């Protein structure tokens, strides 16, 4: 990895950096720390951030907007297979009977009671 030169330009605003100015590097581009911002809340990105269609999101916004399992309420990470029932997402291990908690496997028949899968 090469050290950025003070004459480098910011990948977002195009302005140059001061000799001692802090900067953030991402995907071979250098940014002013305040120029690499969350696409949702517009706060400067640091630590973990996540790609979206609009740009990048900070960890807090990612948790807020990520797909959530209808049963457990936890996020479903991108790239993870999930079950979709009546427009609601479920972890595969969470798609079970709401009365007895028995897992409902793909292709098994079940009925619905008040909008929830039942055996």
Protein backbone atom coordinates (compact mmCIF):
# COMPACT_ATOMS: atom_id res chain seq x y z
CA UNK A 1 0.00 0.00 0.00
CA UNK A 2 1.39 3.41 -0.90
CA UNK A 3 1.34 6.37 1.41
CA UNK A 4 -0.93 9.14 0.08
CA UNK A 5 0.94 12.21 -1.07
CA UNK A 6 -0.15 15.58 0.28
CA UNK A 7 -1.07 16.64 -3.29
CA UNK A 8 -3.65 13.85 -3.67
CA UNK A 9 -7.20 14.97 -4.27
CA UNK A 10 -10.28 13.87 -2.33
CA UNK A 11 -12.36 11.20 -4.09
CA UNK A 12 -15.57 13.02 -3.09
CA UNK A 13 -14.98 16.78 -3.28
CA UNK A 14 -11.89 16.88 -5.53
CA UNK A 15 -10.02 19.29 -3.25
CA UNK A 16 -6.43 18.65 -2.23
CA UNK A 17 -5.26 17.74 1.27
CA UNK A 18 -3.19 19.81 3.64
CA UNK A 19 0.20 18.34 4.52
CA UNK A 20 -0.93 17.14 7.97
CA UNK A 21 -4.66 16.78 7.26
CA UNK A 22 -6.27 13.49 8.32
CA UNK A 23 -7.69 11.39 5.50
CA UNK A 24 -9.51 8.13 4.94
CA UNK A 25 -8.59 5.62 2.23
CA UNK A 26 -11.16 3.34 0.62
CA UNK A 27 -11.05 1.42 -2.69
CA UNK A 28 -7.78 3.09 -3.68
CA UNK A 29 -9.29 6.56 -3.23
CA UNK A 30 -8.40 9.08 -0.56
CA UNK A 31 -11.08 11.17 1.17
CA UNK A 32 -11.20 14.01 3.65
CA UNK A 33 -12.52 12.46 6.85
CA UNK A 34 -15.66 14.61 6.59
CA UNK A 35 -16.26 13.84 2.89
CA UNK A 36 -16.87 10.07 3.18
CA UNK A 37 -20.39 10.19 4.68
CA UNK A 38 -23.29 7.87 5.40
CA UNK A 39 -25.85 8.01 2.58
CA UNK A 40 -28.69 8.00 5.14
CA UNK A 41 -27.69 10.18 8.13
CA UNK A 42 -24.80 12.07 6.43
CA UNK A 43 -22.43 11.51 9.39
CA UNK A 44 -18.75 10.89 8.54
CA UNK A 45 -17.99 7.19 8.09
CA UNK A 46 -15.47 5.49 10.33
CA UNK A 47 -15.09 1.92 11.51
CA UNK A 48 -17.47 -0.48 9.74
CA UNK A 49 -19.63 0.77 6.90
CA UNK A 50 -21.75 -1.02 4.33
CA UNK A 51 -22.39 -0.58 0.59
CA UNK A 52 -25.94 0.24 -0.53
CA UNK A 53 -27.51 1.38 -3.79
CA UNK A 54 -27.24 5.01 -2.59
CA UNK A 55 -23.59 4.82 -1.47
CA UNK A 56 -22.42 3.64 1.95
CA UNK A 57 -24.19 3.50 5.32
CA UNK A 58 -22.79 3.65 8.85
CA UNK A 59 -23.29 0.74 11.22
CA UNK A 60 -26.26 2.36 13.03
CA UNK A 61 -28.15 3.07 9.79
CA UNK A 62 -27.31 -0.37 8.42
CA UNK A 63 -28.84 -2.01 11.51
CA UNK A 64 -31.90 0.22 11.26
CA UNK A 65 -32.61 -0.45 7.56
CA UNK A 66 -31.46 -4.04 7.19
CA UNK A 67 -33.95 -6.83 6.59
CA UNK A 68 -35.38 -8.14 9.86
CA UNK A 69 -36.77 -11.58 10.65
CA UNK A 70 -40.51 -11.47 11.42
CA UNK A 71 -40.16 -14.03 14.22
CA UNK A 72 -36.98 -13.10 16.14
CA UNK A 73 -36.59 -9.48 15.03
CA UNK A 74 -32.87 -9.85 14.34
CA UNK A 75 -31.35 -8.64 11.09
CA UNK A 76 -30.91 -10.96 8.14
CA UNK A 77 -27.46 -10.30 6.72
CA UNK A 78 -27.08 -9.81 3.00
CA UNK A 79 -26.14 -12.99 1.19
CA UNK A 80 -27.96 -15.19 3.75
CA UNK A 81 -30.84 -17.29 2.41
CA UNK A 82 -34.15 -16.54 4.06
CA UNK A 83 -37.77 -17.60 3.71
CA UNK A 84 -40.41 -15.21 2.46
CA UNK A 85 -44.00 -15.72 3.55
CA UNK A 86 -46.74 -13.17 2.83
CA UNK A 87 -44.15 -10.45 2.22
CA UNK A 88 -42.35 -11.08 5.53
CA UNK A 89 -38.78 -12.39 5.80
CA UNK A 90 -37.77 -15.20 8.20
CA UNK A 91 -34.46 -16.88 9.04
CA UNK A 92 -34.83 -20.51 7.84
CA UNK A 93 -34.58 -21.68 11.47
CA UNK A 94 -37.26 -19.17 12.54
CA UNK A 95 -39.92 -20.26 10.05
CA UNK A 96 -41.85 -22.52 12.39
CA UNK A 97 -45.28 -23.03 13.86
CA UNK A 98 -46.18 -20.11 16.09
CA UNK A 99 -48.03 -22.46 18.47
CA UNK A 100 -45.66 -25.40 18.98
CA UNK A 101 -42.36 -24.01 17.56
CA UNK A 102 -41.90 -27.00 15.21
CA UNK A 103 -39.77 -26.10 12.20
CA UNK A 104 -41.70 -25.88 8.91
CA UNK A 105 -39.45 -27.16 6.14
CA UNK A 106 -39.66 -26.15 2.52
CA UNK A 107 -42.51 -27.96 0.76
CA UNK A 108 -44.33 -28.96 3.98
CA UNK A 109 -47.96 -28.02 4.28
CA UNK A 110 -49.22 -25.78 7.07
CA UNK A 111 -52.15 -23.49 7.66
CA UNK A 112 -52.39 -19.89 8.74
CA UNK A 113 -53.94 -18.50 11.89
CA UNK A 114 -54.17 -14.71 12.31
CA UNK A 115 -51.44 -14.21 9.67
CA UNK A 116 -48.93 -16.62 11.20
CA UNK A 117 -47.91 -20.12 10.03
CA UNK A 118 -49.39 -22.98 12.11
CA UNK A 119 -49.10 -26.75 11.97
